[in-house]
């Protein structure tokens, strides 16, 4: 297995919960305030009380 590991404290996130459907959506991105020419990295996590958390990068 090969890959890259990046470490930063320049991140931001928001979490939205939909109680009716019992779903929580979390979006995390870096850089926290993207500027022209930056390549943002996004991570989307979905979770429910009955299912394991799913993450997509």
PDB file of N, CA and C in Angstrom:
ATOM      1  N   UNK A   1       0.845  -1.156   0.000  1.00  0.00           N
ATOM      2  CA  UNK A   1       0.000   0.000   0.000  1.00  0.00           C
ATOM      3  C   UNK A   1       0.902   1.233   0.000  1.00  0.00           C
ATOM      4  N   UNK A   2       0.534   2.232  -0.816  1.00  0.00           N
ATOM      5  CA  UNK A   2       1.308   3.465  -0.897  1.00  0.00           C
ATOM      6  C   UNK A   2       0.351   4.639  -0.781  1.00  0.00           C
ATOM      7  N   UNK A   3       0.865   5.774  -0.317  1.00  0.00           N
ATOM      8  CA  UNK A   3       0.034   6.962  -0.232  1.00  0.00           C
ATOM      9  C   UNK A   3       0.795   8.113   0.380  1.00  0.00           C
ATOM     10  N   UNK A   4       0.112   9.212   0.552  1.00  0.00           N
ATOM     11  CA  UNK A   4       0.681  10.405   1.150  1.00  0.00           C
ATOM     12  C   UNK A   4      -0.049  10.724   2.440  1.00  0.00           C
ATOM     13  N   UNK A   5       0.689  11.216   3.406  1.00  0.00           N
ATOM     14  CA  UNK A   5       0.103  11.651   4.662  1.00  0.00           C
ATOM     15  C   UNK A   5       0.408  13.131   4.822  1.00  0.00           C
ATOM     16  N   UNK A   6      -0.634  13.929   5.029  1.00  0.00           N
ATOM     17  CA  UNK A   6      -0.479  15.359   5.243  1.00  0.00           C
ATOM     18  C   UNK A   6      -0.981  15.702   6.632  1.00  0.00           C
ATOM     19  N   UNK A   7      -0.245  16.554   7.326  1.00  0.00           N
ATOM     20  CA  UNK A   7      -0.633  16.994   8.664  1.00  0.00           C
ATOM     21  C   UNK A   7      -0.757  18.506   8.629  1.00  0.00           C
ATOM     22  N   UNK A   8      -1.904  19.028   9.101  1.00  0.00           N
ATOM     23  CA  UNK A   8      -2.128  20.471   9.091  1.00  0.00           C
ATOM     24  C   UNK A   8      -3.094  20.863  10.202  1.00  0.00           C
ATOM     25  N   UNK A   9      -2.992  22.102  10.632  1.00  0.00           N
ATOM     26  CA  UNK A   9      -3.979  22.629  11.564  1.00  0.00           C
ATOM     27  C   UNK A   9      -4.853  23.671  10.866  1.00  0.00           C
ATOM     28  N   UNK A  10      -4.722  23.758   9.540  1.00  0.00           N
ATOM     29  CA  UNK A  10      -5.472  24.706   8.730  1.00  0.00           C
ATOM     30  C   UNK A  10      -6.715  24.018   8.169  1.00  0.00           C
ATOM     31  N   UNK A  11      -7.630  23.604   9.070  1.00  0.00           N
ATOM     32  CA  UNK A  11      -8.830  22.894   8.647  1.00  0.00           C
ATOM     33  C   UNK A  11     -10.069  23.577   9.215  1.00  0.00           C
ATOM     34  N   UNK A  12     -11.190  23.264   8.621  1.00  0.00           N
ATOM     35  CA  UNK A  12     -12.478  23.749   9.111  1.00  0.00           C
ATOM     36  C   UNK A  12     -13.497  22.635   8.896  1.00  0.00           C
ATOM     37  N   UNK A  13     -14.579  22.676   9.661  1.00  0.00           N
ATOM     38  CA  UNK A  13     -15.594  21.628   9.510  1.00  0.00           C
ATOM     39  C   UNK A  13     -16.968  22.150   9.901  1.00  0.00           C
ATOM     40  N   UNK A  14     -17.966  21.436   9.434  1.00  0.00           N
ATOM     41  CA  UNK A  14     -19.354  21.714   9.790  1.00  0.00           C
ATOM     42  C   UNK A  14     -20.086  20.368   9.864  1.00  0.00           C
ATOM     43  N   UNK A  15     -20.975  20.238  10.838  1.00  0.00           N
ATOM     44  CA  UNK A  15     -21.771  19.021  10.992  1.00  0.00           C
ATOM     45  C   UNK A  15     -23.250  19.395  10.996  1.00  0.00           C
ATOM     46  N   UNK A  16     -24.035  18.672  10.210  1.00  0.00           N
ATOM     47  CA  UNK A  16     -25.474  18.900  10.124  1.00  0.00           C
ATOM     48  C   UNK A  16     -26.174  17.594  10.479  1.00  0.00           C
ATOM     49  N   UNK A  17     -27.170  17.682  11.355  1.00  0.00           N
ATOM     50  CA  UNK A  17     -27.926  16.500  11.763  1.00  0.00           C
ATOM     51  C   UNK A  17     -29.369  16.631  11.302  1.00  0.00           C
ATOM     52  N   UNK A  18     -29.878  15.563  10.706  1.00  0.00           N
ATOM     53  CA  UNK A  18     -31.272  15.501  10.294  1.00  0.00           C
ATOM     54  C   UNK A  18     -31.947  14.478  11.193  1.00  0.00           C
ATOM     55  N   UNK A  19     -32.634  14.970  12.223  1.00  0.00           N
ATOM     56  CA  UNK A  19     -33.252  14.079  13.208  1.00  0.00           C
ATOM     57  C   UNK A  19     -34.362  13.225  12.596  1.00  0.00           C
ATOM     58  N   UNK A  20     -35.093  13.767  11.627  1.00  0.00           N
ATOM     59  CA  UNK A  20     -36.190  13.026  11.014  1.00  0.00           C
ATOM     60  C   UNK A  20     -35.688  11.747  10.342  1.00  0.00           C
ATOM     61  N   UNK A  21     -34.557  11.834   9.640  1.00  0.00           N
ATOM     62  CA  UNK A  21     -33.998  10.676   8.947  1.00  0.00           C
ATOM     63  C   UNK A  21     -32.884  10.000   9.730  1.00  0.00           C
ATOM     64  N   UNK A  22     -32.567  10.521  10.910  1.00  0.00           N
ATOM     65  CA  UNK A  22     -31.551   9.938  11.776  1.00  0.00           C
ATOM     66  C   UNK A  22     -30.190   9.841  11.070  1.00  0.00           C
ATOM     67  N   UNK A  23     -29.796  10.947  10.406  1.00  0.00           N
ATOM     68  CA  UNK A  23     -28.549  10.985   9.657  1.00  0.00           C
ATOM     69  C   UNK A  23     -27.737  12.193  10.095  1.00  0.00           C
ATOM     70  N   UNK A  24     -26.422  11.993  10.225  1.00  0.00           N
ATOM     71  CA  UNK A  24     -25.512  13.085  10.538  1.00  0.00           C
ATOM     72  C   UNK A  24     -24.497  13.189   9.398  1.00  0.00           C
ATOM     73  N   UNK A  25     -24.313  14.397   8.882  1.00  0.00           N
ATOM     74  CA  UNK A  25     -23.372  14.645   7.788  1.00  0.00           C
ATOM     75  C   UNK A  25     -22.300  15.611   8.288  1.00  0.00           C
ATOM     76  N   UNK A  26     -21.040  15.219   8.143  1.00  0.00           N
ATOM     77  CA  UNK A  26     -19.927  16.068   8.554  1.00  0.00           C
ATOM     78  C   UNK A  26     -19.053  16.341   7.329  1.00  0.00           C
ATOM     79  N   UNK A  27     -18.746  17.624   7.092  1.00  0.00           N
ATOM     80  CA  UNK A  27     -17.870  18.026   6.001  1.00  0.00           C
ATOM     81  C   UNK A  27     -16.651  18.713   6.604  1.00  0.00           C
ATOM     82  N   UNK A  28     -15.466  18.214   6.251  1.00  0.00           N
ATOM     83  CA  UNK A  28     -14.198  18.768   6.722  1.00  0.00           C
ATOM     84  C   UNK A  28     -13.399  19.179   5.491  1.00  0.00           C
ATOM     85  N   UNK A  29     -12.772  20.355   5.543  1.00  0.00           N
ATOM     86  CA  UNK A  29     -11.977  20.795   4.396  1.00  0.00           C
ATOM     87  C   UNK A  29     -10.716  21.521   4.834  1.00  0.00           C
ATOM     88  N   UNK A  30      -9.737  21.470   3.963  1.00  0.00           N
ATOM     89  CA  UNK A  30      -8.491  22.200   4.143  1.00  0.00           C
ATOM     90  C   UNK A  30      -8.055  22.716   2.786  1.00  0.00           C
ATOM     91  N   UNK A  31      -7.540  23.893   2.666  1.00  0.00           N
ATOM     92  CA  UNK A  31      -7.322  24.886   3.701  1.00  0.00           C
ATOM     93  C   UNK A  31      -8.649  25.452   4.213  1.00  0.00           C
ATOM     94  N   UNK A  32      -8.625  25.973   5.438  1.00  0.00           N
ATOM     95  CA  UNK A  32      -9.838  26.480   6.079  1.00  0.00           C
ATOM     96  C   UNK A  32     -10.477  27.593   5.255  1.00  0.00           C
ATOM     97  N   UNK A  33      -9.656  28.468   4.694  1.00  0.00           N
ATOM     98  CA  UNK A  33     -10.134  29.544   3.814  1.00  0.00           C
ATOM     99  C   UNK A  33      -9.374  29.419   2.492  1.00  0.00           C
ATOM    100  N   UNK A  34      -9.936  28.690   1.520  1.00  0.00           N
ATOM    101  CA  UNK A  34      -9.235  28.492   0.251  1.00  0.00           C
ATOM    102  C   UNK A  34      -9.033  29.813  -0.496  1.00  0.00           C
ATOM    103  N   UNK A  35      -7.891  29.923  -1.158  1.00  0.00           N
ATOM    104  CA  UNK A  35      -7.574  31.091  -1.975  1.00  0.00           C
ATOM    105  C   UNK A  35      -7.385  30.624  -3.409  1.00  0.00           C
ATOM    106  N   UNK A  36      -7.369  31.574  -4.323  1.00  0.00           N
ATOM    107  CA  UNK A  36      -7.170  31.253  -5.737  1.00  0.00           C
ATOM    108  C   UNK A  36      -5.846  30.499  -5.882  1.00  0.00           C
ATOM    109  N   UNK A  37      -5.888  29.368  -6.565  1.00  0.00           N
ATOM    110  CA  UNK A  37      -4.701  28.556  -6.780  1.00  0.00           C
ATOM    111  C   UNK A  37      -4.538  27.428  -5.774  1.00  0.00           C
ATOM    112  N   UNK A  38      -5.261  27.476  -4.633  1.00  0.00           N
ATOM    113  CA  UNK A  38      -5.200  26.390  -3.647  1.00  0.00           C
ATOM    114  C   UNK A  38      -5.964  25.179  -4.169  1.00  0.00           C
ATOM    115  N   UNK A  39      -5.521  24.001  -3.804  1.00  0.00           N
ATOM    116  CA  UNK A  39      -6.237  22.775  -4.112  1.00  0.00           C
ATOM    117  C   UNK A  39      -6.872  22.281  -2.818  1.00  0.00           C
ATOM    118  N   UNK A  40      -8.184  22.476  -2.658  1.00  0.00           N
ATOM    119  CA  UNK A  40      -8.826  22.050  -1.412  1.00  0.00           C
ATOM    120  C   UNK A  40      -8.968  20.536  -1.335  1.00  0.00           C
ATOM    121  N   UNK A  41      -8.927  20.023  -0.130  1.00  0.00           N
ATOM    122  CA  UNK A  41      -9.160  18.609   0.135  1.00  0.00           C
ATOM    123  C   UNK A  41     -10.412  18.536   0.992  1.00  0.00           C
ATOM    124  N   UNK A  42     -11.380  17.744   0.566  1.00  0.00           N
ATOM    125  CA  UNK A  42     -12.650  17.612   1.266  1.00  0.00           C
ATOM    126  C   UNK A  42     -12.812  16.196   1.794  1.00  0.00           C
ATOM    127  N   UNK A  43     -13.396  16.081   2.981  1.00  0.00           N
ATOM    128  CA  UNK A  43     -13.749  14.777   3.539  1.00  0.00           C
ATOM    129  C   UNK A  43     -15.207  14.854   3.976  1.00  0.00           C
ATOM    130  N   UNK A  44     -16.010  13.926   3.497  1.00  0.00           N
ATOM    131  CA  UNK A  44     -17.426  13.862   3.813  1.00  0.00           C
ATOM    132  C   UNK A  44     -17.677  12.588   4.608  1.00  0.00           C
ATOM    133  N   UNK A  45     -18.312  12.737   5.771  1.00  0.00           N
ATOM    134  CA  UNK A  45     -18.633  11.573   6.606  1.00  0.00           C
ATOM    135  C   UNK A  45     -20.137  11.517   6.826  1.00  0.00           C
ATOM    136  N   UNK A  46     -20.702  10.339   6.637  1.00  0.00           N
ATOM    137  CA  UNK A  46     -22.121  10.098   6.879  1.00  0.00           C
ATOM    138  C   UNK A  46     -22.248   9.069   7.988  1.00  0.00           C
ATOM    139  N   UNK A  47     -23.172   9.298   8.914  1.00  0.00           N
ATOM    140  CA  UNK A  47     -23.365   8.298   9.957  1.00  0.00           C
ATOM    141  C   UNK A  47     -24.819   8.273  10.405  1.00  0.00           C
ATOM    142  N   UNK A  48     -25.240   7.103  10.859  1.00  0.00           N
ATOM    143  CA  UNK A  48     -26.566   6.912  11.440  1.00  0.00           C
ATOM    144  C   UNK A  48     -26.376   6.130  12.729  1.00  0.00           C
ATOM    145  N   UNK A  49     -27.419   6.059  13.520  1.00  0.00           N
ATOM    146  CA  UNK A  49     -27.321   5.312  14.772  1.00  0.00           C
ATOM    147  C   UNK A  49     -27.277   3.805  14.533  1.00  0.00           C
ATOM    148  N   UNK A  50     -27.750   3.357  13.370  1.00  0.00           N
ATOM    149  CA  UNK A  50     -27.805   1.923  13.097  1.00  0.00           C
ATOM    150  C   UNK A  50     -26.696   1.446  12.174  1.00  0.00           C
ATOM    151  N   UNK A  51     -25.867   2.377  11.641  1.00  0.00           N
ATOM    152  CA  UNK A  51     -24.853   1.983  10.677  1.00  0.00           C
ATOM    153  C   UNK A  51     -23.514   2.614  11.028  1.00  0.00           C
ATOM    154  N   UNK A  52     -22.456   1.944  10.678  1.00  0.00           N
ATOM    155  CA  UNK A  52     -21.105   2.446  10.885  1.00  0.00           C
ATOM    156  C   UNK A  52     -20.883   3.713  10.080  1.00  0.00           C
ATOM    157  N   UNK A  53     -20.034   4.583  10.585  1.00  0.00           N
ATOM    158  CA  UNK A  53     -19.712   5.825   9.906  1.00  0.00           C
ATOM    159  C   UNK A  53     -18.999   5.547   8.588  1.00  0.00           C
ATOM    160  N   UNK A  54     -19.433   6.209   7.517  1.00  0.00           N
ATOM    161  CA  UNK A  54     -18.832   6.089   6.196  1.00  0.00           C
ATOM    162  C   UNK A  54     -18.115   7.394   5.878  1.00  0.00           C
ATOM    163  N   UNK A  55     -16.888   7.321   5.397  1.00  0.00           N
ATOM    164  CA  UNK A  55     -16.124   8.525   5.065  1.00  0.00           C
ATOM    165  C   UNK A  55     -15.657   8.465   3.623  1.00  0.00           C
ATOM    166  N   UNK A  56     -15.687   9.602   2.960  1.00  0.00           N
ATOM    167  CA  UNK A  56     -15.239   9.740   1.572  1.00  0.00           C
ATOM    168  C   UNK A  56     -14.296  10.922   1.474  1.00  0.00           C
ATOM    169  N   UNK A  57     -13.169  10.731   0.800  1.00  0.00           N
ATOM    170  CA  UNK A  57     -12.210  11.817   0.609  1.00  0.00           C
ATOM    171  C   UNK A  57     -12.130  12.096  -0.878  1.00  0.00           C
TER     172      UNK A  57
END
